[in-house]
Amino acid sequence: MIKTVAIGLAVAAALGGAAHATELAPKAAYTTTLGDTSAVAFYTLDGDAMQVSVTTQNDGDIDHIVPVRFTTNLADGQNASVVIPGANGLEPLVLELVRQGDALVVGEKVSRAF
């Protein structure tokens, strides 16, 4: 119980006030949308290596959809961020990716910092 609470507090601190956080299992997908942009995050494990992938695409112009994939390898306790620019006056969406053991915690927040 104490370990679970400590991990939860560490994740909350790393996400820095994220609106919500979701713990993913390997190969499970996390999806979100901001305006005309959609994003999908997932990860795979290979021994101690965790490869995280986030694919984004702007869905607004059906004739010019170009997906973009970001990948990174995370060690236990490391985190990474993907910033999706806001469209038409919307604030940017920040996907926070935090490795906790063999799980990936994905949180999202709107940020005025970018």
N, C-alpha and C. Protein backbone atom coordinates (compact mmCIF):
# COMPACT_ATOMS: atom_id res chain seq x y z
N MET A 1 0.83 -1.19 0.00
CA MET A 1 0.00 0.00 0.00
C MET A 1 0.87 1.26 0.00
N ILE A 2 1.86 1.32 0.88
CA ILE A 2 2.73 2.49 0.95
C ILE A 2 3.50 2.65 -0.35
N LYS A 3 4.00 1.53 -0.91
CA LYS A 3 4.74 1.59 -2.17
C LYS A 3 3.85 2.12 -3.29
N THR A 4 2.59 1.69 -3.35
CA THR A 4 1.66 2.15 -4.37
C THR A 4 1.41 3.65 -4.24
N VAL A 5 1.23 4.13 -3.02
CA VAL A 5 1.01 5.56 -2.80
C VAL A 5 2.26 6.35 -3.20
N ALA A 6 3.44 5.84 -2.85
CA ALA A 6 4.69 6.53 -3.19
C ALA A 6 4.86 6.61 -4.71
N ILE A 7 4.57 5.53 -5.41
CA ILE A 7 4.67 5.54 -6.87
C ILE A 7 3.66 6.52 -7.44
N GLY A 8 2.45 6.53 -6.91
CA GLY A 8 1.43 7.47 -7.39
C GLY A 8 1.84 8.91 -7.20
N LEU A 9 2.45 9.23 -6.05
CA LEU A 9 2.92 10.59 -5.80
C LEU A 9 4.07 10.96 -6.73
N ALA A 10 4.97 10.02 -6.99
CA ALA A 10 6.09 10.28 -7.89
C ALA A 10 5.59 10.54 -9.31
N VAL A 11 4.62 9.77 -9.75
CA VAL A 11 4.05 9.98 -11.09
C VAL A 11 3.34 11.31 -11.16
N ALA A 12 2.56 11.66 -10.14
CA ALA A 12 1.86 12.94 -10.14
C ALA A 12 2.85 14.10 -10.19
N ALA A 13 3.95 14.00 -9.47
CA ALA A 13 4.96 15.05 -9.50
C ALA A 13 5.60 15.15 -10.88
N ALA A 14 5.88 14.02 -11.50
CA ALA A 14 6.51 14.02 -12.83
C ALA A 14 5.56 14.59 -13.88
N LEU A 15 4.28 14.34 -13.72
CA LEU A 15 3.31 14.83 -14.69
C LEU A 15 3.00 16.30 -14.47
N GLY A 16 3.39 16.84 -13.35
CA GLY A 16 3.27 18.27 -13.11
C GLY A 16 1.87 18.84 -13.29
N GLY A 17 0.88 18.23 -12.67
CA GLY A 17 -0.46 18.80 -12.74
C GLY A 17 -1.24 18.36 -13.97
N ALA A 18 -0.92 17.20 -14.50
CA ALA A 18 -1.66 16.70 -15.67
C ALA A 18 -3.13 16.53 -15.32
N ALA A 19 -3.96 16.72 -16.32
CA ALA A 19 -5.39 16.61 -16.13
C ALA A 19 -5.78 15.19 -15.69
N HIS A 20 -5.17 14.20 -16.26
CA HIS A 20 -5.39 12.82 -15.84
C HIS A 20 -4.21 11.98 -16.32
N ALA A 21 -4.05 10.82 -15.71
CA ALA A 21 -2.96 9.93 -16.09
C ALA A 21 -3.51 8.53 -16.23
N THR A 22 -2.95 7.79 -17.19
CA THR A 22 -3.37 6.42 -17.46
C THR A 22 -2.15 5.53 -17.50
N GLU A 23 -2.21 4.40 -16.78
CA GLU A 23 -1.11 3.43 -16.82
C GLU A 23 -1.40 2.43 -17.93
N LEU A 24 -0.43 2.26 -18.82
CA LEU A 24 -0.60 1.35 -19.95
C LEU A 24 0.16 0.05 -19.73
N ALA A 25 -0.36 -1.02 -20.28
CA ALA A 25 0.34 -2.29 -20.38
C ALA A 25 1.09 -2.30 -21.71
N PRO A 26 2.11 -3.16 -21.85
CA PRO A 26 2.83 -3.22 -23.14
C PRO A 26 1.87 -3.45 -24.31
N LYS A 27 2.09 -2.71 -25.38
CA LYS A 27 1.34 -2.77 -26.63
C LYS A 27 -0.09 -2.25 -26.54
N ALA A 28 -0.53 -1.81 -25.36
CA ALA A 28 -1.85 -1.18 -25.24
C ALA A 28 -1.73 0.26 -25.74
N ALA A 29 -2.78 0.77 -26.35
CA ALA A 29 -2.72 2.11 -26.93
C ALA A 29 -3.44 3.13 -26.06
N TYR A 30 -2.88 4.33 -26.03
CA TYR A 30 -3.50 5.49 -25.40
C TYR A 30 -3.80 6.47 -26.53
N THR A 31 -5.04 6.91 -26.66
CA THR A 31 -5.40 7.84 -27.73
C THR A 31 -5.98 9.11 -27.14
N THR A 32 -5.74 10.22 -27.84
CA THR A 32 -6.30 11.50 -27.43
C THR A 32 -6.47 12.38 -28.66
N THR A 33 -7.27 13.43 -28.51
CA THR A 33 -7.51 14.37 -29.61
C THR A 33 -7.49 15.79 -29.06
N LEU A 34 -6.87 16.69 -29.80
CA LEU A 34 -6.91 18.11 -29.49
C LEU A 34 -7.21 18.84 -30.79
N GLY A 35 -8.37 19.44 -30.86
CA GLY A 35 -8.75 20.12 -32.09
C GLY A 35 -8.74 19.15 -33.25
N ASP A 36 -7.94 19.46 -34.27
CA ASP A 36 -7.85 18.61 -35.46
C ASP A 36 -6.71 17.60 -35.39
N THR A 37 -6.03 17.50 -34.25
CA THR A 37 -4.88 16.61 -34.14
C THR A 37 -5.19 15.44 -33.22
N SER A 38 -4.88 14.24 -33.69
CA SER A 38 -5.04 13.05 -32.86
C SER A 38 -3.65 12.48 -32.56
N ALA A 39 -3.55 11.76 -31.44
CA ALA A 39 -2.28 11.15 -31.04
C ALA A 39 -2.55 9.77 -30.47
N VAL A 40 -1.63 8.85 -30.74
CA VAL A 40 -1.68 7.49 -30.20
C VAL A 40 -0.31 7.18 -29.61
N ALA A 41 -0.29 6.71 -28.35
CA ALA A 41 0.96 6.33 -27.69
C ALA A 41 0.89 4.85 -27.30
N PHE A 42 2.02 4.16 -27.43
CA PHE A 42 2.13 2.77 -26.98
C PHE A 42 3.60 2.48 -26.72
N TYR A 43 3.87 1.33 -26.10
CA TYR A 43 5.26 0.95 -25.87
C TYR A 43 5.43 -0.55 -25.95
N THR A 44 6.67 -0.94 -26.15
CA THR A 44 7.04 -2.36 -26.13
C THR A 44 8.23 -2.53 -25.20
N LEU A 45 8.35 -3.72 -24.65
CA LEU A 45 9.47 -4.08 -23.78
C LEU A 45 10.30 -5.15 -24.46
N ASP A 46 11.63 -4.98 -24.37
CA ASP A 46 12.56 -5.97 -24.87
C ASP A 46 13.67 -6.07 -23.83
N GLY A 47 13.51 -7.02 -22.90
CA GLY A 47 14.44 -7.08 -21.77
C GLY A 47 14.22 -5.87 -20.89
N ASP A 48 15.29 -5.12 -20.63
CA ASP A 48 15.20 -3.91 -19.82
C ASP A 48 14.82 -2.68 -20.64
N ALA A 49 14.80 -2.79 -21.96
CA ALA A 49 14.53 -1.65 -22.82
C ALA A 49 13.03 -1.42 -22.99
N MET A 50 12.60 -0.17 -22.82
CA MET A 50 11.22 0.23 -23.10
C MET A 50 11.26 1.22 -24.25
N GLN A 51 10.70 0.83 -25.40
CA GLN A 51 10.62 1.75 -26.53
C GLN A 51 9.21 2.31 -26.59
N VAL A 52 9.12 3.62 -26.48
CA VAL A 52 7.85 4.33 -26.48
C VAL A 52 7.66 5.00 -27.84
N SER A 53 6.47 4.87 -28.40
CA SER A 53 6.15 5.51 -29.68
C SER A 53 4.89 6.34 -29.53
N VAL A 54 4.93 7.54 -30.10
CA VAL A 54 3.74 8.41 -30.16
C VAL A 54 3.58 8.82 -31.61
N THR A 55 2.42 8.57 -32.17
CA THR A 55 2.11 8.97 -33.53
C THR A 55 1.04 10.04 -33.49
N THR A 56 1.30 11.15 -34.19
CA THR A 56 0.32 12.23 -34.27
C THR A 56 -0.04 12.46 -35.73
N GLN A 57 -1.24 13.01 -35.93
CA GLN A 57 -1.62 13.42 -37.27
C GLN A 57 -2.69 14.48 -37.16
N ASN A 58 -2.66 15.39 -38.11
CA ASN A 58 -3.68 16.42 -38.20
C ASN A 58 -4.80 15.86 -39.06
N ASP A 59 -5.99 15.76 -38.48
CA ASP A 59 -7.13 15.15 -39.17
C ASP A 59 -7.99 16.16 -39.91
N GLY A 60 -7.60 17.44 -39.91
CA GLY A 60 -8.44 18.49 -40.47
C GLY A 60 -8.58 18.48 -41.97
N ASP A 61 -7.51 18.20 -42.70
CA ASP A 61 -7.54 18.21 -44.16
C ASP A 61 -7.36 16.78 -44.65
N ILE A 62 -8.45 16.14 -44.98
CA ILE A 62 -8.45 14.72 -45.32
C ILE A 62 -7.53 14.40 -46.51
N ASP A 63 -7.27 15.38 -47.38
CA ASP A 63 -6.41 15.15 -48.54
C ASP A 63 -4.93 15.26 -48.23
N HIS A 64 -4.59 15.78 -47.06
CA HIS A 64 -3.18 16.02 -46.71
C HIS A 64 -2.82 15.50 -45.33
N ILE A 65 -3.34 14.35 -44.94
CA ILE A 65 -3.02 13.77 -43.63
C ILE A 65 -1.61 13.19 -43.68
N VAL A 66 -0.76 13.67 -42.79
CA VAL A 66 0.62 13.19 -42.72
C VAL A 66 0.90 12.79 -41.27
N PRO A 67 0.93 11.50 -40.97
CA PRO A 67 1.25 11.09 -39.60
C PRO A 67 2.74 11.31 -39.30
N VAL A 68 3.03 11.63 -38.05
CA VAL A 68 4.40 11.82 -37.59
C VAL A 68 4.59 10.95 -36.36
N ARG A 69 5.67 10.15 -36.36
CA ARG A 69 5.93 9.25 -35.22
C ARG A 69 7.19 9.70 -34.49
N PHE A 70 7.06 9.77 -33.17
CA PHE A 70 8.17 10.05 -32.27
C PHE A 70 8.46 8.78 -31.49
N THR A 71 9.72 8.42 -31.36
CA THR A 71 10.09 7.26 -30.54
C THR A 71 11.22 7.64 -29.60
N THR A 72 11.22 6.99 -28.45
CA THR A 72 12.29 7.18 -27.47
C THR A 72 12.40 5.93 -26.64
N ASN A 73 13.56 5.73 -26.05
CA ASN A 73 13.77 4.64 -25.11
C ASN A 73 13.85 5.24 -23.71
N LEU A 74 13.09 4.68 -22.78
CA LEU A 74 13.07 5.19 -21.41
C LEU A 74 13.59 4.15 -20.44
N ALA A 75 14.47 4.58 -19.53
CA ALA A 75 14.90 3.75 -18.41
C ALA A 75 13.91 3.98 -17.27
N ASP A 76 13.91 3.09 -16.29
CA ASP A 76 13.01 3.21 -15.15
C ASP A 76 13.19 4.58 -14.50
N GLY A 77 12.08 5.28 -14.31
CA GLY A 77 12.10 6.59 -13.68
C GLY A 77 12.26 7.76 -14.64
N GLN A 78 12.61 7.49 -15.90
CA GLN A 78 12.76 8.58 -16.87
C GLN A 78 11.40 8.99 -17.42
N ASN A 79 11.36 10.23 -17.96
CA ASN A 79 10.15 10.70 -18.60
C ASN A 79 10.49 11.45 -19.87
N ALA A 80 9.49 11.64 -20.70
CA ALA A 80 9.62 12.40 -21.94
C ALA A 80 8.30 13.11 -22.19
N SER A 81 8.34 14.16 -23.00
CA SER A 81 7.14 14.92 -23.32
C SER A 81 7.02 15.06 -24.84
N VAL A 82 5.78 15.05 -25.32
CA VAL A 82 5.47 15.35 -26.71
C VAL A 82 4.47 16.50 -26.67
N VAL A 83 4.79 17.60 -27.36
CA VAL A 83 3.93 18.77 -27.39
C VAL A 83 3.20 18.81 -28.72
N ILE A 84 1.87 18.88 -28.66
CA ILE A 84 1.04 18.99 -29.85
C ILE A 84 0.52 20.42 -29.89
N PRO A 85 0.95 21.21 -30.88
CA PRO A 85 0.52 22.60 -30.93
C PRO A 85 -1.00 22.72 -31.00
N GLY A 86 -1.53 23.72 -30.32
CA GLY A 86 -2.97 23.98 -30.37
C GLY A 86 -3.36 24.60 -31.71
N ALA A 87 -4.55 24.30 -32.16
CA ALA A 87 -5.05 24.84 -33.42
C ALA A 87 -6.06 25.94 -33.14
N ASN A 88 -6.07 26.95 -33.98
CA ASN A 88 -7.08 28.01 -33.93
C ASN A 88 -7.24 28.59 -32.53
N GLY A 89 -6.14 29.00 -31.92
CA GLY A 89 -6.19 29.66 -30.62
C GLY A 89 -6.22 28.74 -29.42
N LEU A 90 -6.21 27.43 -29.62
CA LEU A 90 -6.18 26.50 -28.49
C LEU A 90 -4.77 26.40 -27.93
N GLU A 91 -4.67 26.17 -26.64
CA GLU A 91 -3.37 25.98 -26.01
C GLU A 91 -2.79 24.65 -26.45
N PRO A 92 -1.45 24.51 -26.43
CA PRO A 92 -0.83 23.23 -26.78
C PRO A 92 -1.20 22.12 -25.79
N LEU A 93 -1.27 20.91 -26.29
CA LEU A 93 -1.47 19.73 -25.45
C LEU A 93 -0.11 19.09 -25.23
N VAL A 94 0.21 18.76 -23.99
CA VAL A 94 1.47 18.12 -23.67
C VAL A 94 1.17 16.70 -23.20
N LEU A 95 1.72 15.71 -23.90
CA LEU A 95 1.64 14.31 -23.46
C LEU A 95 2.89 14.04 -22.64
N GLU A 96 2.71 13.66 -21.39
CA GLU A 96 3.82 13.32 -20.51
C GLU A 96 3.90 11.80 -20.44
N LEU A 97 5.08 11.26 -20.69
CA LEU A 97 5.31 9.82 -20.71
C LEU A 97 6.29 9.50 -19.59
N VAL A 98 5.87 8.69 -18.61
CA VAL A 98 6.71 8.38 -17.45
C VAL A 98 6.83 6.87 -17.32
N ARG A 99 8.07 6.38 -17.28
CA ARG A 99 8.28 4.94 -17.06
C ARG A 99 8.35 4.68 -15.57
N GLN A 100 7.53 3.74 -15.11
CA GLN A 100 7.53 3.28 -13.73
C GLN A 100 7.64 1.77 -13.75
N GLY A 101 8.87 1.27 -13.58
CA GLY A 101 9.10 -0.17 -13.67
C GLY A 101 8.86 -0.63 -15.09
N ASP A 102 7.97 -1.61 -15.26
CA ASP A 102 7.64 -2.11 -16.60
C ASP A 102 6.35 -1.52 -17.13
N ALA A 103 5.87 -0.45 -16.51
CA ALA A 103 4.63 0.20 -16.96
C ALA A 103 4.95 1.61 -17.46
N LEU A 104 4.11 2.11 -18.35
CA LEU A 104 4.21 3.47 -18.84
C LEU A 104 2.98 4.22 -18.37
N VAL A 105 3.19 5.37 -17.76
CA VAL A 105 2.09 6.22 -17.34
C VAL A 105 2.04 7.40 -18.31
N VAL A 106 0.88 7.60 -18.93
CA VAL A 106 0.69 8.68 -19.89
C VAL A 106 -0.30 9.67 -19.29
N GLY A 107 0.11 10.91 -19.26
CA GLY A 107 -0.77 11.98 -18.78
C GLY A 107 -0.81 13.07 -19.82
N GLU A 108 -1.85 13.85 -19.78
CA GLU A 108 -1.93 14.97 -20.70
C GLU A 108 -2.35 16.21 -19.94
N LYS A 109 -1.84 17.33 -20.41
CA LYS A 109 -2.22 18.60 -19.81
C LYS A 109 -2.14 19.67 -20.89
N VAL A 110 -2.89 20.72 -20.67
CA VAL A 110 -2.80 21.89 -21.54
C VAL A 110 -1.77 22.80 -20.91
N SER A 111 -0.87 23.32 -21.73
CA SER A 111 0.23 24.11 -21.20
C SER A 111 0.34 25.44 -21.90
N ARG A 112 0.53 26.49 -21.13
CA ARG A 112 0.78 27.81 -21.69
C ARG A 112 2.28 28.05 -21.82
N ALA A 113 3.10 27.09 -21.40
CA ALA A 113 4.55 27.26 -21.37
C ALA A 113 5.18 27.17 -22.75
N PHE A 114 4.49 26.62 -23.74
CA PHE A 114 5.10 26.41 -25.05
C PHE A 114 4.61 27.42 -26.03
